[in-house]
mmCIF file of all heavy atoms, coordinates in Angstrom:
data_MODEL
# 
_entry.id   MODEL 
# 
loop_
_atom_site.group_PDB 
_atom_site.id 
_atom_site.type_symbol 
_atom_site.label_atom_id 
_atom_site.label_alt_id 
_atom_site.label_comp_id 
_atom_site.label_asym_id 
_atom_site.label_entity_id 
_atom_site.label_seq_id 
_atom_site.pdbx_PDB_ins_code 
_atom_site.Cartn_x 
_atom_site.Cartn_y 
_atom_site.Cartn_z 
_atom_site.occupancy 
_atom_site.B_iso_or_equiv 
_atom_site.pdbx_formal_charge 
_atom_site.auth_seq_id 
_atom_site.auth_comp_id 
_atom_site.auth_asym_id 
_atom_site.auth_atom_id 
_atom_site.pdbx_PDB_model_num 
ATOM 1   N N   . GLU A 1 1  ? 80.976 96.038  94.853  1.00 0.00 ? 1  GLU A N   1 
ATOM 2   C CA  . GLU A 1 1  ? 80.088 94.846  95.206  1.00 0.00 ? 1  GLU A CA  1 
ATOM 3   C C   . GLU A 1 1  ? 79.039 95.007  96.256  1.00 0.00 ? 1  GLU A C   1 
ATOM 4   O O   . GLU A 1 1  ? 78.075 94.603  96.113  1.00 0.00 ? 1  GLU A O   1 
ATOM 5   C CB  . GLU A 1 1  ? 81.145 93.728  95.597  1.00 0.00 ? 1  GLU A CB  1 
ATOM 6   C CG  . GLU A 1 1  ? 81.992 93.214  94.304  1.00 0.00 ? 1  GLU A CG  1 
ATOM 7   C CD  . GLU A 1 1  ? 82.747 92.009  94.771  1.00 0.00 ? 1  GLU A CD  1 
ATOM 8   O OE1 . GLU A 1 1  ? 82.626 91.545  95.916  1.00 0.00 ? 1  GLU A OE1 1 
ATOM 9   O OE2 . GLU A 1 1  ? 83.697 91.575  94.028  1.00 0.00 ? 1  GLU A OE2 1 
ATOM 10  N N   . ASP A 1 2  ? 79.467 95.683  97.272  1.00 0.00 ? 2  ASP A N   1 
ATOM 11  C CA  . ASP A 1 2  ? 78.577 95.997  98.334  1.00 0.00 ? 2  ASP A CA  1 
ATOM 12  C C   . ASP A 1 2  ? 77.429 96.991  97.980  1.00 0.00 ? 2  ASP A C   1 
ATOM 13  O O   . ASP A 1 2  ? 77.666 98.113  97.539  1.00 0.00 ? 2  ASP A O   1 
ATOM 14  C CB  . ASP A 1 2  ? 79.271 96.702  99.568  1.00 0.00 ? 2  ASP A CB  1 
ATOM 15  C CG  . ASP A 1 2  ? 78.487 96.932  100.763 1.00 0.00 ? 2  ASP A CG  1 
ATOM 16  O OD1 . ASP A 1 2  ? 78.190 95.970  101.586 1.00 0.00 ? 2  ASP A OD1 1 
ATOM 17  O OD2 . ASP A 1 2  ? 78.095 98.054  100.936 1.00 0.00 ? 2  ASP A OD2 1 
ATOM 18  N N   . LYS A 1 3  ? 76.178 96.545  98.166  1.00 0.00 ? 3  LYS A N   1 
ATOM 19  C CA  . LYS A 1 3  ? 75.176 97.411  97.745  1.00 0.00 ? 3  LYS A CA  1 
ATOM 20  C C   . LYS A 1 3  ? 74.930 98.701  98.434  1.00 0.00 ? 3  LYS A C   1 
ATOM 21  O O   . LYS A 1 3  ? 74.640 99.664  97.814  1.00 0.00 ? 3  LYS A O   1 
ATOM 22  C CB  . LYS A 1 3  ? 73.701 96.506  97.942  1.00 0.00 ? 3  LYS A CB  1 
ATOM 23  C CG  . LYS A 1 3  ? 72.480 97.310  97.588  1.00 0.00 ? 3  LYS A CG  1 
ATOM 24  C CD  . LYS A 1 3  ? 71.202 96.570  97.949  1.00 0.00 ? 3  LYS A CD  1 
ATOM 25  C CE  . LYS A 1 3  ? 70.018 97.431  97.516  1.00 0.00 ? 3  LYS A CE  1 
ATOM 26  N NZ  . LYS A 1 3  ? 68.686 96.837  98.008  1.00 0.00 ? 3  LYS A NZ  1 
ATOM 27  N N   . GLY A 1 4  ? 75.240 98.673  99.715  1.00 0.00 ? 4  GLY A N   1 
ATOM 28  C CA  . GLY A 1 4  ? 75.207 100.041 100.376 1.00 0.00 ? 4  GLY A CA  1 
ATOM 29  C C   . GLY A 1 4  ? 76.167 101.061 99.886  1.00 0.00 ? 4  GLY A C   1 
ATOM 30  O O   . GLY A 1 4  ? 75.919 102.083 99.765  1.00 0.00 ? 4  GLY A O   1 
ATOM 31  N N   . GLU A 1 5  ? 77.390 100.560 99.630  1.00 0.00 ? 5  GLU A N   1 
ATOM 32  C CA  . GLU A 1 5  ? 78.472 101.371 99.195  1.00 0.00 ? 5  GLU A CA  1 
ATOM 33  C C   . GLU A 1 5  ? 78.197 101.884 97.760  1.00 0.00 ? 5  GLU A C   1 
ATOM 34  O O   . GLU A 1 5  ? 78.430 102.956 97.320  1.00 0.00 ? 5  GLU A O   1 
ATOM 35  C CB  . GLU A 1 5  ? 79.821 100.710 99.070  1.00 0.00 ? 5  GLU A CB  1 
ATOM 36  C CG  . GLU A 1 5  ? 80.397 100.295 100.500 1.00 0.00 ? 5  GLU A CG  1 
ATOM 37  C CD  . GLU A 1 5  ? 80.606 101.646 101.215 1.00 0.00 ? 5  GLU A CD  1 
ATOM 38  O OE1 . GLU A 1 5  ? 81.334 102.708 100.660 1.00 0.00 ? 5  GLU A OE1 1 
ATOM 39  O OE2 . GLU A 1 5  ? 80.195 101.823 102.407 1.00 0.00 ? 5  GLU A OE2 1 
ATOM 40  N N   . ARG A 1 6  ? 77.555 100.899 97.052  1.00 0.00 ? 6  ARG A N   1 
ATOM 41  C CA  . ARG A 1 6  ? 77.136 101.331 95.553  1.00 0.00 ? 6  ARG A CA  1 
ATOM 42  C C   . ARG A 1 6  ? 76.021 102.386 95.615  1.00 0.00 ? 6  ARG A C   1 
ATOM 43  O O   . ARG A 1 6  ? 76.105 103.317 94.799  1.00 0.00 ? 6  ARG A O   1 
ATOM 44  C CB  . ARG A 1 6  ? 76.660 100.058 94.871  1.00 0.00 ? 6  ARG A CB  1 
ATOM 45  C CG  . ARG A 1 6  ? 76.389 100.209 93.347  1.00 0.00 ? 6  ARG A CG  1 
ATOM 46  C CD  . ARG A 1 6  ? 75.931 99.088  92.694  1.00 0.00 ? 6  ARG A CD  1 
ATOM 47  N NE  . ARG A 1 6  ? 76.418 97.841  93.182  1.00 0.00 ? 6  ARG A NE  1 
ATOM 48  C CZ  . ARG A 1 6  ? 75.671 96.817  93.586  1.00 0.00 ? 6  ARG A CZ  1 
ATOM 49  N NH1 . ARG A 1 6  ? 74.405 96.858  93.730  1.00 0.00 ? 6  ARG A NH1 1 
ATOM 50  N NH2 . ARG A 1 6  ? 76.332 95.694  94.014  1.00 0.00 ? 6  ARG A NH2 1 
ATOM 51  N N   . GLU A 1 7  ? 74.997 102.260 96.460  1.00 0.00 ? 7  GLU A N   1 
ATOM 52  C CA  . GLU A 1 7  ? 74.019 103.239 96.622  1.00 0.00 ? 7  GLU A CA  1 
ATOM 53  C C   . GLU A 1 7  ? 74.650 104.607 97.122  1.00 0.00 ? 7  GLU A C   1 
ATOM 54  O O   . GLU A 1 7  ? 74.209 105.689 96.556  1.00 0.00 ? 7  GLU A O   1 
ATOM 55  C CB  . GLU A 1 7  ? 72.936 102.904 97.800  1.00 0.00 ? 7  GLU A CB  1 
ATOM 56  C CG  . GLU A 1 7  ? 72.120 101.715 97.332  1.00 0.00 ? 7  GLU A CG  1 
ATOM 57  C CD  . GLU A 1 7  ? 71.233 101.235 98.536  1.00 0.00 ? 7  GLU A CD  1 
ATOM 58  O OE1 . GLU A 1 7  ? 71.557 101.595 99.673  1.00 0.00 ? 7  GLU A OE1 1 
ATOM 59  O OE2 . GLU A 1 7  ? 70.168 100.663 98.268  1.00 0.00 ? 7  GLU A OE2 1 
ATOM 60  N N   . LYS A 1 8  ? 75.564 104.602 97.994  1.00 0.00 ? 8  LYS A N   1 
ATOM 61  C CA  . LYS A 1 8  ? 76.255 105.851 98.494  1.00 0.00 ? 8  LYS A CA  1 
ATOM 62  C C   . LYS A 1 8  ? 77.024 106.338 97.284  1.00 0.00 ? 8  LYS A C   1 
ATOM 63  O O   . LYS A 1 8  ? 76.953 107.752 97.135  1.00 0.00 ? 8  LYS A O   1 
ATOM 64  C CB  . LYS A 1 8  ? 77.306 105.411 99.529  1.00 0.00 ? 8  LYS A CB  1 
ATOM 65  C CG  . LYS A 1 8  ? 77.816 106.654 100.291 1.00 0.00 ? 8  LYS A CG  1 
ATOM 66  C CD  . LYS A 1 8  ? 78.870 106.322 101.246 1.00 0.00 ? 8  LYS A CD  1 
ATOM 67  C CE  . LYS A 1 8  ? 78.310 105.332 102.391 1.00 0.00 ? 8  LYS A CE  1 
ATOM 68  N NZ  . LYS A 1 8  ? 79.363 105.203 103.367 1.00 0.00 ? 8  LYS A NZ  1 
ATOM 69  N N   . TYR A 1 9  ? 77.642 105.624 96.468  1.00 0.00 ? 9  TYR A N   1 
ATOM 70  C CA  . TYR A 1 9  ? 78.544 106.246 95.348  1.00 0.00 ? 9  TYR A CA  1 
ATOM 71  C C   . TYR A 1 9  ? 77.518 106.738 94.419  1.00 0.00 ? 9  TYR A C   1 
ATOM 72  O O   . TYR A 1 9  ? 77.755 107.817 93.928  1.00 0.00 ? 9  TYR A O   1 
ATOM 73  C CB  . TYR A 1 9  ? 79.226 105.052 94.746  1.00 0.00 ? 9  TYR A CB  1 
ATOM 74  C CG  . TYR A 1 9  ? 79.974 105.350 93.340  1.00 0.00 ? 9  TYR A CG  1 
ATOM 75  C CD1 . TYR A 1 9  ? 81.178 106.103 93.427  1.00 0.00 ? 9  TYR A CD1 1 
ATOM 76  C CD2 . TYR A 1 9  ? 79.315 105.153 92.153  1.00 0.00 ? 9  TYR A CD2 1 
ATOM 77  C CE1 . TYR A 1 9  ? 81.692 106.484 92.150  1.00 0.00 ? 9  TYR A CE1 1 
ATOM 78  C CE2 . TYR A 1 9  ? 79.792 105.490 90.925  1.00 0.00 ? 9  TYR A CE2 1 
ATOM 79  C CZ  . TYR A 1 9  ? 80.991 106.163 90.938  1.00 0.00 ? 9  TYR A CZ  1 
ATOM 80  O OH  . TYR A 1 9  ? 81.518 106.607 89.737  1.00 0.00 ? 9  TYR A OH  1 
ATOM 81  N N   . LEU A 1 10 ? 76.412 106.143 93.974  1.00 0.00 ? 10 LEU A N   1 
ATOM 82  C CA  . LEU A 1 10 ? 75.572 106.541 92.980  1.00 0.00 ? 10 LEU A CA  1 
ATOM 83  C C   . LEU A 1 10 ? 74.837 107.995 93.519  1.00 0.00 ? 10 LEU A C   1 
ATOM 84  O O   . LEU A 1 10 ? 74.648 108.821 92.687  1.00 0.00 ? 10 LEU A O   1 
ATOM 85  C CB  . LEU A 1 10 ? 74.375 105.570 92.717  1.00 0.00 ? 10 LEU A CB  1 
ATOM 86  C CG  . LEU A 1 10 ? 74.878 104.435 91.884  1.00 0.00 ? 10 LEU A CG  1 
ATOM 87  C CD1 . LEU A 1 10 ? 73.755 103.237 91.807  1.00 0.00 ? 10 LEU A CD1 1 
ATOM 88  C CD2 . LEU A 1 10 ? 75.056 104.771 90.501  1.00 0.00 ? 10 LEU A CD2 1 
ATOM 89  N N   . LEU A 1 11 ? 74.417 107.934 94.673  1.00 0.00 ? 11 LEU A N   1 
ATOM 90  C CA  . LEU A 1 11 ? 73.764 109.142 95.298  1.00 0.00 ? 11 LEU A CA  1 
ATOM 91  C C   . LEU A 1 11 ? 74.763 110.342 95.187  1.00 0.00 ? 11 LEU A C   1 
ATOM 92  O O   . LEU A 1 11 ? 74.276 111.456 94.800  1.00 0.00 ? 11 LEU A O   1 
ATOM 93  C CB  . LEU A 1 11 ? 73.221 108.875 96.735  1.00 0.00 ? 11 LEU A CB  1 
ATOM 94  C CG  . LEU A 1 11 ? 72.556 110.058 97.377  1.00 0.00 ? 11 LEU A CG  1 
ATOM 95  C CD1 . LEU A 1 11 ? 71.207 110.255 96.515  1.00 0.00 ? 11 LEU A CD1 1 
ATOM 96  C CD2 . LEU A 1 11 ? 72.210 109.775 98.775  1.00 0.00 ? 11 LEU A CD2 1 
ATOM 97  N N   . GLN A 1 12 ? 76.000 110.071 95.606  1.00 0.00 ? 12 GLN A N   1 
ATOM 98  C CA  . GLN A 1 12 ? 77.092 111.126 95.587  1.00 0.00 ? 12 GLN A CA  1 
ATOM 99  C C   . GLN A 1 12 ? 77.190 111.709 94.135  1.00 0.00 ? 12 GLN A C   1 
ATOM 100 O O   . GLN A 1 12 ? 77.202 112.896 93.752  1.00 0.00 ? 12 GLN A O   1 
ATOM 101 C CB  . GLN A 1 12 ? 78.280 110.782 96.075  1.00 0.00 ? 12 GLN A CB  1 
ATOM 102 C CG  . GLN A 1 12 ? 79.377 111.856 96.147  1.00 0.00 ? 12 GLN A CG  1 
ATOM 103 C CD  . GLN A 1 12 ? 80.699 111.407 96.710  1.00 0.00 ? 12 GLN A CD  1 
ATOM 104 O OE1 . GLN A 1 12 ? 80.730 110.308 97.473  1.00 0.00 ? 12 GLN A OE1 1 
ATOM 105 N NE2 . GLN A 1 12 ? 81.791 112.115 96.474  1.00 0.00 ? 12 GLN A NE2 1 
ATOM 106 N N   . LYS A 1 13 ? 77.320 110.775 93.090  1.00 0.00 ? 13 LYS A N   1 
ATOM 107 C CA  . LYS A 1 13 ? 77.579 111.070 91.820  1.00 0.00 ? 13 LYS A CA  1 
ATOM 108 C C   . LYS A 1 13 ? 76.344 111.737 91.130  1.00 0.00 ? 13 LYS A C   1 
ATOM 109 O O   . LYS A 1 13 ? 76.586 112.771 90.439  1.00 0.00 ? 13 LYS A O   1 
ATOM 110 C CB  . LYS A 1 13 ? 77.834 109.681 91.059  1.00 0.00 ? 13 LYS A CB  1 
ATOM 111 C CG  . LYS A 1 13 ? 78.330 109.943 89.560  1.00 0.00 ? 13 LYS A CG  1 
ATOM 112 C CD  . LYS A 1 13 ? 79.805 110.493 89.642  1.00 0.00 ? 13 LYS A CD  1 
ATOM 113 C CE  . LYS A 1 13 ? 80.342 110.680 88.126  1.00 0.00 ? 13 LYS A CE  1 
ATOM 114 N NZ  . LYS A 1 13 ? 81.679 111.334 88.126  1.00 0.00 ? 13 LYS A NZ  1 
ATOM 115 N N   . LEU A 1 14 ? 75.163 111.225 91.469  1.00 0.00 ? 14 LEU A N   1 
ATOM 116 C CA  . LEU A 1 14 ? 74.052 112.069 90.861  1.00 0.00 ? 14 LEU A CA  1 
ATOM 117 C C   . LEU A 1 14 ? 73.816 113.435 91.517  1.00 0.00 ? 14 LEU A C   1 
ATOM 118 O O   . LEU A 1 14 ? 73.434 114.377 90.730  1.00 0.00 ? 14 LEU A O   1 
ATOM 119 C CB  . LEU A 1 14 ? 72.748 111.243 91.214  1.00 0.00 ? 14 LEU A CB  1 
ATOM 120 C CG  . LEU A 1 14 ? 72.662 109.782 90.448  1.00 0.00 ? 14 LEU A CG  1 
ATOM 121 C CD1 . LEU A 1 14 ? 71.508 108.968 90.991  1.00 0.00 ? 14 LEU A CD1 1 
ATOM 122 C CD2 . LEU A 1 14 ? 72.281 110.168 88.839  1.00 0.00 ? 14 LEU A CD2 1 
ATOM 123 N N   . GLU A 1 15 ? 74.194 113.592 92.780  1.00 0.00 ? 15 GLU A N   1 
ATOM 124 C CA  . GLU A 1 15 ? 74.060 114.916 93.346  1.00 0.00 ? 15 GLU A CA  1 
ATOM 125 C C   . GLU A 1 15 ? 75.127 115.929 92.751  1.00 0.00 ? 15 GLU A C   1 
ATOM 126 O O   . GLU A 1 15 ? 74.809 117.067 92.451  1.00 0.00 ? 15 GLU A O   1 
ATOM 127 C CB  . GLU A 1 15 ? 74.338 114.773 94.882  1.00 0.00 ? 15 GLU A CB  1 
ATOM 128 C CG  . GLU A 1 15 ? 73.008 114.204 95.627  1.00 0.00 ? 15 GLU A CG  1 
ATOM 129 C CD  . GLU A 1 15 ? 71.827 115.056 95.425  1.00 0.00 ? 15 GLU A CD  1 
ATOM 130 O OE1 . GLU A 1 15 ? 71.930 116.335 95.578  1.00 0.00 ? 15 GLU A OE1 1 
ATOM 131 O OE2 . GLU A 1 15 ? 70.726 114.599 95.014  1.00 0.00 ? 15 GLU A OE2 1 
ATOM 132 N N   . GLU A 1 16 ? 76.275 115.331 92.397  1.00 0.00 ? 16 GLU A N   1 
ATOM 133 C CA  . GLU A 1 16 ? 77.314 116.182 91.741  1.00 0.00 ? 16 GLU A CA  1 
ATOM 134 C C   . GLU A 1 16 ? 76.885 116.632 90.436  1.00 0.00 ? 16 GLU A C   1 
ATOM 135 O O   . GLU A 1 16 ? 77.012 117.783 89.991  1.00 0.00 ? 16 GLU A O   1 
ATOM 136 C CB  . GLU A 1 16 ? 78.672 115.350 91.690  1.00 0.00 ? 16 GLU A CB  1 
ATOM 137 C CG  . GLU A 1 16 ? 79.401 115.172 92.973  1.00 0.00 ? 16 GLU A CG  1 
ATOM 138 C CD  . GLU A 1 16 ? 80.514 114.246 92.851  1.00 0.00 ? 16 GLU A CD  1 
ATOM 139 O OE1 . GLU A 1 16 ? 80.782 113.592 91.663  1.00 0.00 ? 16 GLU A OE1 1 
ATOM 140 O OE2 . GLU A 1 16 ? 81.183 113.900 93.842  1.00 0.00 ? 16 GLU A OE2 1 
ATOM 141 N N   . LEU A 1 17 ? 76.260 115.628 89.641  1.00 0.00 ? 17 LEU A N   1 
ATOM 142 C CA  . LEU A 1 17 ? 75.898 115.985 88.253  1.00 0.00 ? 17 LEU A CA  1 
ATOM 143 C C   . LEU A 1 17 ? 74.634 116.963 88.337  1.00 0.00 ? 17 LEU A C   1 
ATOM 144 O O   . LEU A 1 17 ? 74.585 117.938 87.519  1.00 0.00 ? 17 LEU A O   1 
ATOM 145 C CB  . LEU A 1 17 ? 75.310 114.703 87.526  1.00 0.00 ? 17 LEU A CB  1 
ATOM 146 C CG  . LEU A 1 17 ? 76.540 113.767 87.295  1.00 0.00 ? 17 LEU A CG  1 
ATOM 147 C CD1 . LEU A 1 17 ? 75.898 112.417 86.755  1.00 0.00 ? 17 LEU A CD1 1 
ATOM 148 C CD2 . LEU A 1 17 ? 77.476 114.322 86.234  1.00 0.00 ? 17 LEU A CD2 1 
ATOM 149 N N   . LEU A 1 18 ? 73.834 116.781 89.296  1.00 0.00 ? 18 LEU A N   1 
ATOM 150 C CA  . LEU A 1 18 ? 72.586 117.683 89.401  1.00 0.00 ? 18 LEU A CA  1 
ATOM 151 C C   . LEU A 1 18 ? 73.202 119.057 89.720  1.00 0.00 ? 18 LEU A C   1 
ATOM 152 O O   . LEU A 1 18 ? 72.575 120.099 89.268  1.00 0.00 ? 18 LEU A O   1 
ATOM 153 C CB  . LEU A 1 18 ? 71.694 117.320 90.556  1.00 0.00 ? 18 LEU A CB  1 
ATOM 154 C CG  . LEU A 1 18 ? 70.503 118.099 90.785  1.00 0.00 ? 18 LEU A CG  1 
ATOM 155 C CD1 . LEU A 1 18 ? 69.662 118.216 89.560  1.00 0.00 ? 18 LEU A CD1 1 
ATOM 156 C CD2 . LEU A 1 18 ? 69.666 117.402 91.952  1.00 0.00 ? 18 LEU A CD2 1 
ATOM 157 N N   . GLU A 1 19 ? 74.297 119.164 90.635  1.00 0.00 ? 19 GLU A N   1 
ATOM 158 C CA  . GLU A 1 19 ? 74.742 120.489 90.884  1.00 0.00 ? 19 GLU A CA  1 
ATOM 159 C C   . GLU A 1 19 ? 75.304 121.170 89.779  1.00 0.00 ? 19 GLU A C   1 
ATOM 160 O O   . GLU A 1 19 ? 75.187 122.495 89.545  1.00 0.00 ? 19 GLU A O   1 
ATOM 161 C CB  . GLU A 1 19 ? 75.869 120.407 91.944  1.00 0.00 ? 19 GLU A CB  1 
ATOM 162 C CG  . GLU A 1 19 ? 76.476 121.671 92.472  1.00 0.00 ? 19 GLU A CG  1 
ATOM 163 C CD  . GLU A 1 19 ? 77.356 121.589 93.692  1.00 0.00 ? 19 GLU A CD  1 
ATOM 164 O OE1 . GLU A 1 19 ? 77.407 120.350 94.188  1.00 0.00 ? 19 GLU A OE1 1 
ATOM 165 O OE2 . GLU A 1 19 ? 77.973 122.455 94.064  1.00 0.00 ? 19 GLU A OE2 1 
ATOM 166 N N   . ARG A 1 20 ? 75.847 120.508 88.757  1.00 0.00 ? 20 ARG A N   1 
ATOM 167 C CA  . ARG A 1 20 ? 76.388 120.998 87.573  1.00 0.00 ? 20 ARG A CA  1 
ATOM 168 C C   . ARG A 1 20 ? 75.309 121.570 86.669  1.00 0.00 ? 20 ARG A C   1 
ATOM 169 O O   . ARG A 1 20 ? 75.632 122.451 85.785  1.00 0.00 ? 20 ARG A O   1 
ATOM 170 C CB  . ARG A 1 20 ? 77.125 119.954 86.736  1.00 0.00 ? 20 ARG A CB  1 
ATOM 171 C CG  . ARG A 1 20 ? 78.736 119.920 87.286  1.00 0.00 ? 20 ARG A CG  1 
ATOM 172 C CD  . ARG A 1 20 ? 79.515 118.652 86.813  1.00 0.00 ? 20 ARG A CD  1 
ATOM 173 N NE  . ARG A 1 20 ? 79.125 118.363 85.321  1.00 0.00 ? 20 ARG A NE  1 
ATOM 174 C CZ  . ARG A 1 20 ? 79.719 117.114 84.839  1.00 0.00 ? 20 ARG A CZ  1 
ATOM 175 N NH1 . ARG A 1 20 ? 80.478 116.376 85.704  1.00 0.00 ? 20 ARG A NH1 1 
ATOM 176 N NH2 . ARG A 1 20 ? 79.424 116.851 83.655  1.00 0.00 ? 20 ARG A NH2 1 
ATOM 177 N N   . ARG A 1 21 ? 74.121 120.863 86.710  1.00 0.00 ? 21 ARG A N   1 
ATOM 178 C CA  . ARG A 1 21 ? 73.083 121.125 85.639  1.00 0.00 ? 21 ARG A CA  1 
ATOM 179 C C   . ARG A 1 21 ? 71.895 121.821 86.124  1.00 0.00 ? 21 ARG A C   1 
ATOM 180 O O   . ARG A 1 21 ? 71.082 122.307 85.420  1.00 0.00 ? 21 ARG A O   1 
ATOM 181 C CB  . ARG A 1 21 ? 72.653 119.740 85.199  1.00 0.00 ? 21 ARG A CB  1 
ATOM 182 C CG  . ARG A 1 21 ? 73.831 119.009 84.439  1.00 0.00 ? 21 ARG A CG  1 
ATOM 183 C CD  . ARG A 1 21 ? 73.621 117.551 84.252  1.00 0.00 ? 21 ARG A CD  1 
ATOM 184 N NE  . ARG A 1 21 ? 74.726 116.832 83.710  1.00 0.00 ? 21 ARG A NE  1 
ATOM 185 C CZ  . ARG A 1 21 ? 74.717 115.507 83.471  1.00 0.00 ? 21 ARG A CZ  1 
ATOM 186 N NH1 . ARG A 1 21 ? 73.854 114.699 84.002  1.00 0.00 ? 21 ARG A NH1 1 
ATOM 187 N NH2 . ARG A 1 21 ? 75.796 115.025 82.895  1.00 0.00 ? 21 ARG A NH2 1 
ATOM 188 N N   . SER A 1 22 ? 71.733 121.962 87.456  1.00 0.00 ? 22 SER A N   1 
ATOM 189 C CA  . SER A 1 22 ? 70.404 122.359 88.005  1.00 0.00 ? 22 SER A CA  1 
ATOM 190 C C   . SER A 1 22 ? 70.082 123.853 87.691  1.00 0.00 ? 22 SER A C   1 
ATOM 191 O O   . SER A 1 22 ? 68.968 124.172 87.439  1.00 0.00 ? 22 SER A O   1 
ATOM 192 C CB  . SER A 1 22 ? 70.424 122.315 89.507  1.00 0.00 ? 22 SER A CB  1 
ATOM 193 O OG  . SER A 1 22 ? 71.527 123.065 90.138  1.00 0.00 ? 22 SER A OG  1 
ATOM 194 N N   . HIS A 1 23 ? 71.117 124.645 87.538  1.00 0.00 ? 23 HIS A N   1 
ATOM 195 C CA  . HIS A 1 23 ? 70.919 126.031 87.039  1.00 0.00 ? 23 HIS A CA  1 
ATOM 196 C C   . HIS A 1 23 ? 70.205 125.984 85.725  1.00 0.00 ? 23 HIS A C   1 
ATOM 197 O O   . HIS A 1 23 ? 69.448 127.042 85.377  1.00 0.00 ? 23 HIS A O   1 
ATOM 198 C CB  . HIS A 1 23 ? 72.172 126.905 86.964  1.00 0.00 ? 23 HIS A CB  1 
ATOM 199 C CG  . HIS A 1 23 ? 73.226 126.610 86.024  1.00 0.00 ? 23 HIS A CG  1 
ATOM 200 N ND1 . HIS A 1 23 ? 73.876 125.226 86.035  1.00 0.00 ? 23 HIS A ND1 1 
ATOM 201 C CD2 . HIS A 1 23 ? 73.456 127.191 84.923  1.00 0.00 ? 23 HIS A CD2 1 
ATOM 202 C CE1 . HIS A 1 23 ? 74.785 125.332 85.026  1.00 0.00 ? 23 HIS A CE1 1 
ATOM 203 N NE2 . HIS A 1 23 ? 74.618 126.385 84.313  1.00 0.00 ? 23 HIS A NE2 1 
ATOM 204 N N   . ARG A 1 24 ? 70.539 125.193 84.815  1.00 0.00 ? 24 ARG A N   1 
ATOM 205 C CA  . ARG A 1 24 ? 69.841 124.963 83.569  1.00 0.00 ? 24 ARG A CA  1 
ATOM 206 C C   . ARG A 1 24 ? 68.351 124.434 83.746  1.00 0.00 ? 24 ARG A C   1 
ATOM 207 O O   . ARG A 1 24 ? 67.383 124.975 83.194  1.00 0.00 ? 24 ARG A O   1 
ATOM 208 C CB  . ARG A 1 24 ? 70.507 124.101 82.551  1.00 0.00 ? 24 ARG A CB  1 
ATOM 209 C CG  . ARG A 1 24 ? 71.921 124.549 82.250  1.00 0.00 ? 24 ARG A CG  1 
ATOM 210 C CD  . ARG A 1 24 ? 72.033 125.784 81.496  1.00 0.00 ? 24 ARG A CD  1 
ATOM 211 N NE  . ARG A 1 24 ? 73.272 125.948 80.727  1.00 0.00 ? 24 ARG A NE  1 
ATOM 212 C CZ  . ARG A 1 24 ? 73.794 127.058 80.560  1.00 0.00 ? 24 ARG A CZ  1 
ATOM 213 N NH1 . ARG A 1 24 ? 73.257 128.256 80.829  1.00 0.00 ? 24 ARG A NH1 1 
ATOM 214 N NH2 . ARG A 1 24 ? 75.081 127.114 80.052  1.00 0.00 ? 24 ARG A NH2 1 
ATOM 215 N N   . TYR A 1 25 ? 68.325 123.342 84.468  1.00 0.00 ? 25 TYR A N   1 
ATOM 216 C CA  . TYR A 1 25 ? 66.982 122.656 84.559  1.00 0.00 ? 25 TYR A CA  1 
ATOM 217 C C   . TYR A 1 25 ? 66.022 123.724 85.320  1.00 0.00 ? 25 TYR A C   1 
ATOM 218 O O   . TYR A 1 25 ? 64.693 123.779 84.813  1.00 0.00 ? 25 TYR A O   1 
ATOM 219 C CB  . TYR A 1 25 ? 67.108 121.332 85.585  1.00 0.00 ? 25 TYR A CB  1 
ATOM 220 C CG  . TYR A 1 25 ? 67.961 120.384 85.046  1.00 0.00 ? 25 TYR A CG  1 
ATOM 221 C CD1 . TYR A 1 25 ? 68.517 119.456 85.907  1.00 0.00 ? 25 TYR A CD1 1 
ATOM 222 C CD2 . TYR A 1 25 ? 68.078 120.047 83.621  1.00 0.00 ? 25 TYR A CD2 1 
ATOM 223 C CE1 . TYR A 1 25 ? 69.185 118.392 85.435  1.00 0.00 ? 25 TYR A CE1 1 
ATOM 224 C CE2 . TYR A 1 25 ? 68.761 119.049 83.190  1.00 0.00 ? 25 TYR A CE2 1 
ATOM 225 C CZ  . TYR A 1 25 ? 69.455 118.155 84.147  1.00 0.00 ? 25 TYR A CZ  1 
ATOM 226 O OH  . TYR A 1 25 ? 70.122 117.044 83.764  1.00 0.00 ? 25 TYR A OH  1 
# 
């Protein structure tokens, strides 16, 4: 519900996904 916490969660999740895929990109 909290926008700030939602932003923090999304940023962390996106960075995790990028780390998994960046060597391909």
